[in-house]
Every structure is written in structure tokens, then in C-alpha cells.
C-alpha atoms as a PDB file:
ATOM      1  CA  MET A   1     -26.769 -39.138   6.676  1.00  0.00           C
ATOM      2  CA  GLU A   2     -24.548 -38.196   3.913  1.00  0.00           C
ATOM      3  CA  VAL A   3     -20.789 -37.237   4.369  1.00  0.00           C
ATOM      4  CA  ILE A   4     -19.435 -34.624   1.909  1.00  0.00           C
ATOM      5  CA  THR A   5     -15.600 -33.853   1.900  1.00  0.00           C
ATOM      6  CA  LEU A   6     -14.483 -30.777   0.095  1.00  0.00           C
ATOM      7  CA  TRP A   7     -11.339 -28.895  -0.609  1.00  0.00           C
ATOM      8  CA  HIS A   8     -11.096 -25.567   1.031  1.00  0.00           C
ATOM      9  CA  GLU A   9      -8.098 -23.180   1.810  1.00  0.00           C
ATOM     10  CA  PRO A  10      -6.373 -23.196   4.191  1.00  0.00           C
ATOM     11  CA  TYR A  11      -7.671 -26.516   5.236  1.00  0.00           C
ATOM     12  CA  PRO A  12      -6.833 -29.678   3.248  1.00  0.00           C
ATOM     13  CA  ALA A  13     -10.370 -30.759   3.402  1.00  0.00           C
ATOM     14  CA  LEU A  14     -13.658 -30.097   5.348  1.00  0.00           C
ATOM     15  CA  LEU A  15     -15.732 -32.813   6.654  1.00  0.00           C
ATOM     16  CA  CYS A  16     -19.370 -31.874   6.358  1.00  0.00           C
ATOM     17  CA  VAL A  17     -22.355 -34.041   7.202  1.00  0.00           C
ATOM     18  CA  GLN A  18     -25.907 -33.553   5.783  1.00  0.00           C
ATOM     19  CA  TYR A  19     -28.660 -35.051   7.877  1.00  0.00           C
ATOM     20  CA  GLU A  20     -31.810 -36.342   6.445  1.00  0.00           C
ATOM     21  CA  ASN A  21     -33.755 -33.066   7.435  1.00  0.00           C
ATOM     22  CA  GLY A  22     -31.348 -31.296   5.056  1.00  0.00           C
ATOM     23  CA  ASP A  23     -29.204 -29.627   7.620  1.00  0.00           C
ATOM     24  CA  ILE A  24     -25.658 -29.413   6.689  1.00  0.00           C
ATOM     25  CA  VAL A  25     -23.015 -29.414   9.540  1.00  0.00           C
ATOM     26  CA  ASN A  26     -19.192 -28.831   9.261  1.00  0.00           C
ATOM     27  CA  MET A  27     -17.377 -30.963  11.951  1.00  0.00           C
ATOM     28  CA  LEU A  28     -14.144 -29.090  11.566  1.00  0.00           C
ATOM     29  CA  GLY A  29     -14.966 -25.444  11.254  1.00  0.00           C
ATOM     30  CA  PRO A  30     -17.752 -22.642  10.588  1.00  0.00           C
ATOM     31  CA  TYR A  31     -18.114 -23.185   6.706  1.00  0.00           C
ATOM     32  CA  CYS A  32     -19.412 -25.966   4.542  1.00  0.00           C
ATOM     33  CA  TYR A  33     -20.076 -25.810   0.874  1.00  0.00           C
ATOM     34  CA  ARG A  34     -22.204 -28.124  -1.356  1.00  0.00           C
ATOM     35  CA  LEU A  35     -21.254 -29.212  -4.818  1.00  0.00           C
ATOM     36  CA  ARG A  36     -23.835 -29.202  -7.564  1.00  0.00           C
ATOM     37  CA  THR A  37     -23.855 -32.495  -9.139  1.00  0.00           C
ATOM     38  CA  ASP A  38     -26.980 -32.188 -11.185  1.00  0.00           C
ATOM     39  CA  ILE A  39     -25.601 -30.243 -14.168  1.00  0.00           C
ATOM     40  CA  GLU A  40     -26.077 -32.345 -17.125  1.00  0.00           C
ATOM     41  CA  LYS A  41     -24.178 -30.113 -19.600  1.00  0.00           C
ATOM     42  CA  ILE A  42     -21.525 -27.485 -19.106  1.00  0.00           C
ATOM     43  CA  GLU A  43     -21.018 -25.345 -22.003  1.00  0.00           C
ATOM     44  CA  TYR A  44     -17.444 -24.484 -22.911  1.00  0.00           C
ATOM     45  CA  HIS A  45     -16.652 -21.996 -25.645  1.00  0.00           C
ATOM     46  CA  SER A  46     -13.123 -22.328 -26.553  1.00  0.00           C
ATOM     47  CA  TYR A  47     -10.970 -20.303 -28.807  1.00  0.00           C
ATOM     48  CA  VAL A  48      -8.663 -22.485 -30.878  1.00  0.00           C
ATOM     49  CA  LEU A  49      -5.587 -20.933 -32.333  1.00  0.00           C
ATOM     50  CA  GLU A  50      -2.931 -23.103 -33.935  1.00  0.00           C
ATOM     51  CA  ILE A  51       0.395 -21.658 -34.966  1.00  0.00           C
ATOM     52  CA  TYR A  52       2.892 -23.981 -36.732  1.00  0.00           C
ATOM     53  CA  PRO A  53       5.674 -24.767 -37.121  1.00  0.00           C
ATOM     54  CA  ASN A  54       7.201 -23.312 -33.897  1.00  0.00           C
ATOM     55  CA  PRO A  55      10.240 -23.021 -34.025  1.00  0.00           C
ATOM     56  CA  PHE A  56      10.032 -21.825 -37.711  1.00  0.00           C
ATOM     57  CA  TYR A  57      12.559 -21.066 -40.470  1.00  0.00           C
ATOM     58  CA  GLN A  58      10.786 -18.536 -42.665  1.00  0.00           C
ATOM     59  CA  SER A  59       6.867 -18.487 -42.184  1.00  0.00           C
ATOM     60  CA  VAL A  60       4.281 -19.697 -39.837  1.00  0.00           C
ATOM     61  CA  ASN A  61       0.747 -20.994 -40.743  1.00  0.00           C
ATOM     62  CA  VAL A  62      -2.061 -19.562 -38.475  1.00  0.00           C
ATOM     63  CA  ASN A  63      -5.424 -21.498 -38.075  1.00  0.00           C
ATOM     64  CA  SER A  64      -8.286 -20.399 -35.892  1.00  0.00           C
ATOM     65  CA  ASN A  65     -11.861 -21.160 -35.296  1.00  0.00           C
ATOM     66  CA  GLN A  66     -12.583 -17.426 -35.124  1.00  0.00           C
ATOM     67  CA  ASN A  67     -11.964 -14.575 -37.543  1.00  0.00           C
ATOM     68  CA  ILE A  68      -8.769 -12.847 -36.560  1.00  0.00           C
ATOM     69  CA  ILE A  69      -9.097  -9.059 -37.369  1.00  0.00           C
ATOM     70  CA  SER A  70      -5.605  -8.217 -37.054  1.00  0.00           C
ATOM     71  CA  TYR A  71      -2.099  -9.068 -35.559  1.00  0.00           C
ATOM     72  CA  LYS A  72       1.037  -7.345 -34.427  1.00  0.00           C
ATOM     73  CA  ILE A  73       4.472  -8.768 -33.921  1.00  0.00           C
ATOM     74  CA  GLU A  74       7.120  -7.611 -31.540  1.00  0.00           C
ATOM     75  CA  ASN A  75      10.495  -8.848 -31.076  1.00  0.00           C
ATOM     76  CA  SER A  76      12.161  -9.742 -27.734  1.00  0.00           C
ATOM     77  CA  LYS A  77      13.116  -6.168 -27.226  1.00  0.00           C
ATOM     78  CA  GLY A  78       9.507  -5.113 -27.565  1.00  0.00           C
ATOM     79  CA  GLN A  79      10.060  -3.330 -30.962  1.00  0.00           C
ATOM     80  CA  LEU A  80       7.084  -3.607 -33.404  1.00  0.00           C
ATOM     81  CA  ILE A  81       8.190  -5.762 -36.208  1.00  0.00           C
ATOM     82  CA  LYS A  82       4.982  -6.074 -38.238  1.00  0.00           C
ATOM     83  CA  GLN A  83       1.160  -5.336 -38.156  1.00  0.00           C
ATOM     84  CA  GLU A  84      -1.459  -6.412 -40.291  1.00  0.00           C
ATOM     85  CA  ASN A  85      -5.208  -6.316 -40.828  1.00  0.00           C
ATOM     86  CA  VAL A  86      -6.284 -10.004 -41.776  1.00  0.00           C
ATOM     87  CA  GLY A  87     -10.138 -10.471 -41.545  1.00  0.00           C
ATOM     88  CA  GLU A  88      -9.488 -14.371 -42.075  1.00  0.00           C
ATOM     89  CA  ASN A  89      -9.154 -17.467 -39.813  1.00  0.00           C
ATOM     90  CA  LYS A  90      -6.506 -19.248 -41.902  1.00  0.00           C
ATOM     91  CA  PHE A  91      -3.538 -17.349 -43.295  1.00  0.00           C
ATOM     92  CA  GLN A  92       0.475 -17.317 -43.376  1.00  0.00           C
ATOM     93  CA  ILE A  93       2.731 -14.934 -41.690  1.00  0.00           C
ATOM     94  CA  ASP A  94       6.132 -14.436 -43.481  1.00  0.00           C
ATOM     95  CA  LEU A  95       9.099 -13.464 -41.408  1.00  0.00           C
ATOM     96  CA  SER A  96      11.862 -14.624 -43.744  1.00  0.00           C
ATOM     97  CA  GLY A  97      13.608 -11.276 -43.840  1.00  0.00           C
ATOM     98  CA  ASN A  98      13.880 -11.037 -40.029  1.00  0.00           C
ATOM     99  CA  SER A  99      16.699 -12.160 -37.857  1.00  0.00           C
ATOM    100  CA  ASN A 100      16.596 -15.335 -35.601  1.00  0.00           C
ATOM    101  CA  ASP A 101      14.869 -14.116 -32.503  1.00  0.00           C
ATOM    102  CA  ILE A 102      11.878 -14.673 -30.143  1.00  0.00           C
ATOM    103  CA  TYR A 103       8.737 -12.896 -31.374  1.00  0.00           C
ATOM    104  CA  PHE A 104       5.585 -12.312 -29.544  1.00  0.00           C
ATOM    105  CA  VAL A 105       2.334 -12.237 -31.810  1.00  0.00           C
ATOM    106  CA  THR A 106      -0.803 -10.534 -30.496  1.00  0.00           C
ATOM    107  CA  PHE A 107      -3.882 -11.787 -32.532  1.00  0.00           C
ATOM    108  CA  PHE A 108      -6.968  -9.701 -32.255  1.00  0.00           C
ATOM    109  CA  THR A 109     -10.396 -10.985 -32.476  1.00  0.00           C
ATOM    110  CA  SER A 110     -14.043  -9.722 -31.981  1.00  0.00           C
ATOM    111  CA  SER A 111     -13.954 -11.561 -28.501  1.00  0.00           C
ATOM    112  CA  GLY A 112     -10.396 -10.075 -27.374  1.00  0.00           C
ATOM    113  CA  PHE A 113      -6.773 -10.909 -28.053  1.00  0.00           C
ATOM    114  CA  GLU A 114      -4.361 -13.671 -27.486  1.00  0.00           C
ATOM    115  CA  ILE A 115      -0.518 -13.501 -27.281  1.00  0.00           C
ATOM    116  CA  ARG A 116       1.698 -16.154 -28.600  1.00  0.00           C
ATOM    117  CA  LYS A 117       5.452 -16.734 -28.630  1.00  0.00           C
ATOM    118  CA  LEU A 118       7.279 -17.714 -31.900  1.00  0.00           C
ATOM    119  CA  ILE A 119      10.791 -18.703 -32.127  1.00  0.00           C
ATOM    120  CA  LYS A 120      12.682 -18.121 -35.506  1.00  0.00           C
ATOM    121  CA  ASN A 121      15.479 -20.562 -35.927  1.00  0.00           C
ATOM    122  CA  GLY A 122      17.136 -19.952 -39.293  1.00  0.00           C
ATOM    123  CA  LEU A 123      19.290 -23.214 -39.171  1.00  0.00           C
END
């Protein structure tokens, strides 16, 4: 007999028992779930986007593992400040002529988009 304890809402845990014949019985309720533990490799495709420095003074560096098609920048009031077609995975964004503020940059790639917050601090 194997005892299986799993997390399930709204109960903190379910106590399930698997008998040698393969039957799984929940001792506390109507449901019982079995975890798969035979997976050798889980593939995870991650999108890496680095923006630095942040906070920044004049410009920021952008480094990605995907080609960035374009980006747009909005200020804290939602006004469009800048947009540009890029077609690269490493580039620099110059905001030296803009005031100190919080900016939201939307990066567009072939697999979707990502929004990042930038803080301009002109100390």
C-alpha cells in the first residue's frame, strides 16, 4: 500500500491510498489525484529580457534572447513618448531629453509582447 498526500483546494491536503491492485482511494473526500513522477525532462522555453540600468539617468541597454521587432514607451500618464522598429536583440534606448518619470516599455517579439517599467532619475 502506498500513501499519497497532495495539495488540493479548499482542503489543505488529501490523503489517498493506492492498493497493490492499483485502486486509489481518498480517505477524506470524493477526489484523488496522482502525480506523474516519471518525467525525465521538462522543457521550458523562456524569454529573457534584460534592461539596465534601472533606475537610469539618460539611456538604458536592452538585451534579449529573442529578436525584438519593435517597442513603444508610454509615460505614467499613458501618453505615447516614443516608438521604434528595431529588429535586433541588443540595442540602447535614449531618453535623455525626457523628464524624470516612470515609463512603461512594451517590447514586441514574434512570440508576443512584454511590458517593463523604467524609472528615470536625473540626479
